[in-house]
Amino acid sequence: MNNKSLISELSQRMGYTQEDTQKMVNTVVDALKNDFRSENVVWIPKFGTFEIKKRLERVVTIPSTKKRMLVPPKLVLTFKPVAAVKEKLKGGGQ
């Protein structure tokens, strides 16, 4: 699903215009971005938890050249679904 189809589906379900729905979605996304920048945990009931985690610096080996490289530390966004969503995904979405 891309942005256009998401906005179309939400506007039909909620009864708003596509422009108003786009503004609401943008507001939610902006709020999430601000929380991620602050490294806050974002919990969405009945869906899951988004969290920023720090990956430590590590050494990797490139298999084809056997050359070792240092990968710098970085922040990654992780998602952990609630049990109900996890079970639904395991069942193929049914």
C-alpha atoms as a PDB file:
ATOM      1  CA  MET A   1       0.000   0.000   0.000  1.00  0.00           C
ATOM      2  CA  ASN A   2       1.406   3.371  -0.934  1.00  0.00           C
ATOM      3  CA  ASN A   3       0.575   6.821   0.470  1.00  0.00           C
ATOM      4  CA  LYS A   4      -2.085   7.598  -2.145  1.00  0.00           C
ATOM      5  CA  SER A   5      -4.018   4.372  -1.583  1.00  0.00           C
ATOM      6  CA  LEU A   6      -3.707   4.740   2.209  1.00  0.00           C
ATOM      7  CA  ILE A   7      -5.158   8.257   2.107  1.00  0.00           C
ATOM      8  CA  SER A   8      -7.937   7.138  -0.231  1.00  0.00           C
ATOM      9  CA  GLU A   9      -8.878   4.181   2.002  1.00  0.00           C
ATOM     10  CA  LEU A  10      -8.781   6.238   5.203  1.00  0.00           C
ATOM     11  CA  SER A  11     -10.838   9.076   3.722  1.00  0.00           C
ATOM     12  CA  GLN A  12     -13.534   6.623   2.595  1.00  0.00           C
ATOM     13  CA  ARG A  13     -13.657   4.862   5.966  1.00  0.00           C
ATOM     14  CA  MET A  14     -13.612   8.024   8.061  1.00  0.00           C
ATOM     15  CA  GLY A  15     -15.824  10.219   5.863  1.00  0.00           C
ATOM     16  CA  TYR A  16     -13.311  13.059   5.466  1.00  0.00           C
ATOM     17  CA  THR A  17     -11.985  14.605   2.274  1.00  0.00           C
ATOM     18  CA  GLN A  18      -8.670  13.310   0.988  1.00  0.00           C
ATOM     19  CA  GLU A  19      -7.050  16.697   1.722  1.00  0.00           C
ATOM     20  CA  ASP A  20      -8.178  16.613   5.370  1.00  0.00           C
ATOM     21  CA  THR A  21      -7.103  12.988   5.696  1.00  0.00           C
ATOM     22  CA  GLN A  22      -3.666  13.831   4.248  1.00  0.00           C
ATOM     23  CA  LYS A  23      -3.274  16.635   6.817  1.00  0.00           C
ATOM     24  CA  MET A  24      -4.213  14.259   9.670  1.00  0.00           C
ATOM     25  CA  VAL A  25      -1.779  11.579   8.500  1.00  0.00           C
ATOM     26  CA  ASN A  26       1.005  14.156   8.117  1.00  0.00           C
ATOM     27  CA  THR A  27       0.314  15.419  11.654  1.00  0.00           C
ATOM     28  CA  VAL A  28       0.571  11.893  13.085  1.00  0.00           C
ATOM     29  CA  VAL A  29       3.775  11.149  11.148  1.00  0.00           C
ATOM     30  CA  ASP A  30       5.342  14.433  12.279  1.00  0.00           C
ATOM     31  CA  ALA A  31       4.474  13.644  15.922  1.00  0.00           C
ATOM     32  CA  LEU A  32       6.052  10.181  15.557  1.00  0.00           C
ATOM     33  CA  LYS A  33       9.201  11.694  14.019  1.00  0.00           C
ATOM     34  CA  ASN A  34       9.533  14.113  16.928  1.00  0.00           C
ATOM     35  CA  ASP A  35       9.235  11.276  19.441  1.00  0.00           C
ATOM     36  CA  PHE A  36      11.800   9.191  17.535  1.00  0.00           C
ATOM     37  CA  ARG A  37      14.233  12.126  17.531  1.00  0.00           C
ATOM     38  CA  SER A  38      13.824  12.311  21.314  1.00  0.00           C
ATOM     39  CA  GLU A  39      14.431   8.535  21.455  1.00  0.00           C
ATOM     40  CA  ASN A  40      11.069   8.012  23.159  1.00  0.00           C
ATOM     41  CA  VAL A  41       9.243   4.684  22.957  1.00  0.00           C
ATOM     42  CA  VAL A  42       6.036   4.959  20.914  1.00  0.00           C
ATOM     43  CA  TRP A  43       3.349   2.476  21.928  1.00  0.00           C
ATOM     44  CA  ILE A  44       0.228   2.113  19.782  1.00  0.00           C
ATOM     45  CA  PRO A  45      -2.455   0.079  21.586  1.00  0.00           C
ATOM     46  CA  LYS A  46      -3.537  -3.119  19.824  1.00  0.00           C
ATOM     47  CA  PHE A  47      -0.689  -2.674  17.297  1.00  0.00           C
ATOM     48  CA  GLY A  48       2.781  -2.579  18.799  1.00  0.00           C
ATOM     49  CA  THR A  49       5.784  -0.633  20.048  1.00  0.00           C
ATOM     50  CA  PHE A  50       8.309   1.424  18.091  1.00  0.00           C
ATOM     51  CA  GLU A  51      11.631   2.046  19.788  1.00  0.00           C
ATOM     52  CA  ILE A  52      14.995   3.562  18.901  1.00  0.00           C
ATOM     53  CA  LYS A  53      17.889   1.259  19.810  1.00  0.00           C
ATOM     54  CA  LYS A  54      21.612   1.889  19.666  1.00  0.00           C
ATOM     55  CA  ARG A  55      23.705  -0.540  17.646  1.00  0.00           C
ATOM     56  CA  LEU A  56      27.257  -0.792  18.872  1.00  0.00           C
ATOM     57  CA  GLU A  57      30.328  -0.471  16.721  1.00  0.00           C
ATOM     58  CA  ARG A  58      31.361  -3.810  15.227  1.00  0.00           C
ATOM     59  CA  VAL A  59      33.846  -5.442  12.872  1.00  0.00           C
ATOM     60  CA  VAL A  60      32.506  -7.280   9.809  1.00  0.00           C
ATOM     61  CA  THR A  61      34.281  -9.382   7.211  1.00  0.00           C
ATOM     62  CA  ILE A  62      33.413  -9.110   3.524  1.00  0.00           C
ATOM     63  CA  PRO A  63      33.198 -12.756   2.367  1.00  0.00           C
ATOM     64  CA  SER A  64      34.429 -12.222  -1.204  1.00  0.00           C
ATOM     65  CA  THR A  65      37.582 -10.268  -0.282  1.00  0.00           C
ATOM     66  CA  LYS A  66      38.110 -11.462   3.316  1.00  0.00           C
ATOM     67  CA  LYS A  67      38.639  -7.812   4.156  1.00  0.00           C
ATOM     68  CA  ARG A  68      37.636  -6.630   7.624  1.00  0.00           C
ATOM     69  CA  MET A  69      35.755  -3.366   8.074  1.00  0.00           C
ATOM     70  CA  LEU A  70      34.687  -1.359  11.086  1.00  0.00           C
ATOM     71  CA  VAL A  71      30.982  -0.498  11.075  1.00  0.00           C
ATOM     72  CA  PRO A  72      30.339   2.627  13.153  1.00  0.00           C
ATOM     73  CA  PRO A  73      27.648   2.753  15.857  1.00  0.00           C
ATOM     74  CA  LYS A  74      24.204   3.895  14.766  1.00  0.00           C
ATOM     75  CA  LEU A  75      20.604   4.270  15.873  1.00  0.00           C
ATOM     76  CA  VAL A  76      17.969   1.922  14.418  1.00  0.00           C
ATOM     77  CA  LEU A  77      14.182   1.954  14.624  1.00  0.00           C
ATOM     78  CA  THR A  78      12.712  -1.319  15.862  1.00  0.00           C
ATOM     79  CA  PHE A  79       9.107  -2.517  15.957  1.00  0.00           C
ATOM     80  CA  LYS A  80       7.622  -5.159  18.232  1.00  0.00           C
ATOM     81  CA  PRO A  81       4.016  -6.103  17.426  1.00  0.00           C
ATOM     82  CA  VAL A  82       1.529  -7.064  20.128  1.00  0.00           C
ATOM     83  CA  ALA A  83       0.701 -10.767  20.405  1.00  0.00           C
ATOM     84  CA  ALA A  84      -2.598 -10.478  18.483  1.00  0.00           C
ATOM     85  CA  VAL A  85      -0.904  -8.855  15.472  1.00  0.00           C
ATOM     86  CA  LYS A  86       1.946 -11.376  15.613  1.00  0.00           C
ATOM     87  CA  GLU A  87      -0.514 -14.298  15.571  1.00  0.00           C
ATOM     88  CA  LYS A  88      -2.464 -12.771  12.692  1.00  0.00           C
ATOM     89  CA  LEU A  89       0.742 -12.379  10.677  1.00  0.00           C
ATOM     90  CA  LYS A  90       1.774 -15.964  11.426  1.00  0.00           C
ATOM     91  CA  GLY A  91      -1.575 -17.157  10.092  1.00  0.00           C
ATOM     92  CA  GLY A  92      -1.025 -15.398   6.767  1.00  0.00           C
ATOM     93  CA  GLY A  93      -3.142 -12.367   7.668  1.00  0.00           C
ATOM     94  CA  GLN A  94      -6.387 -14.329   8.037  1.00  0.00           C
END
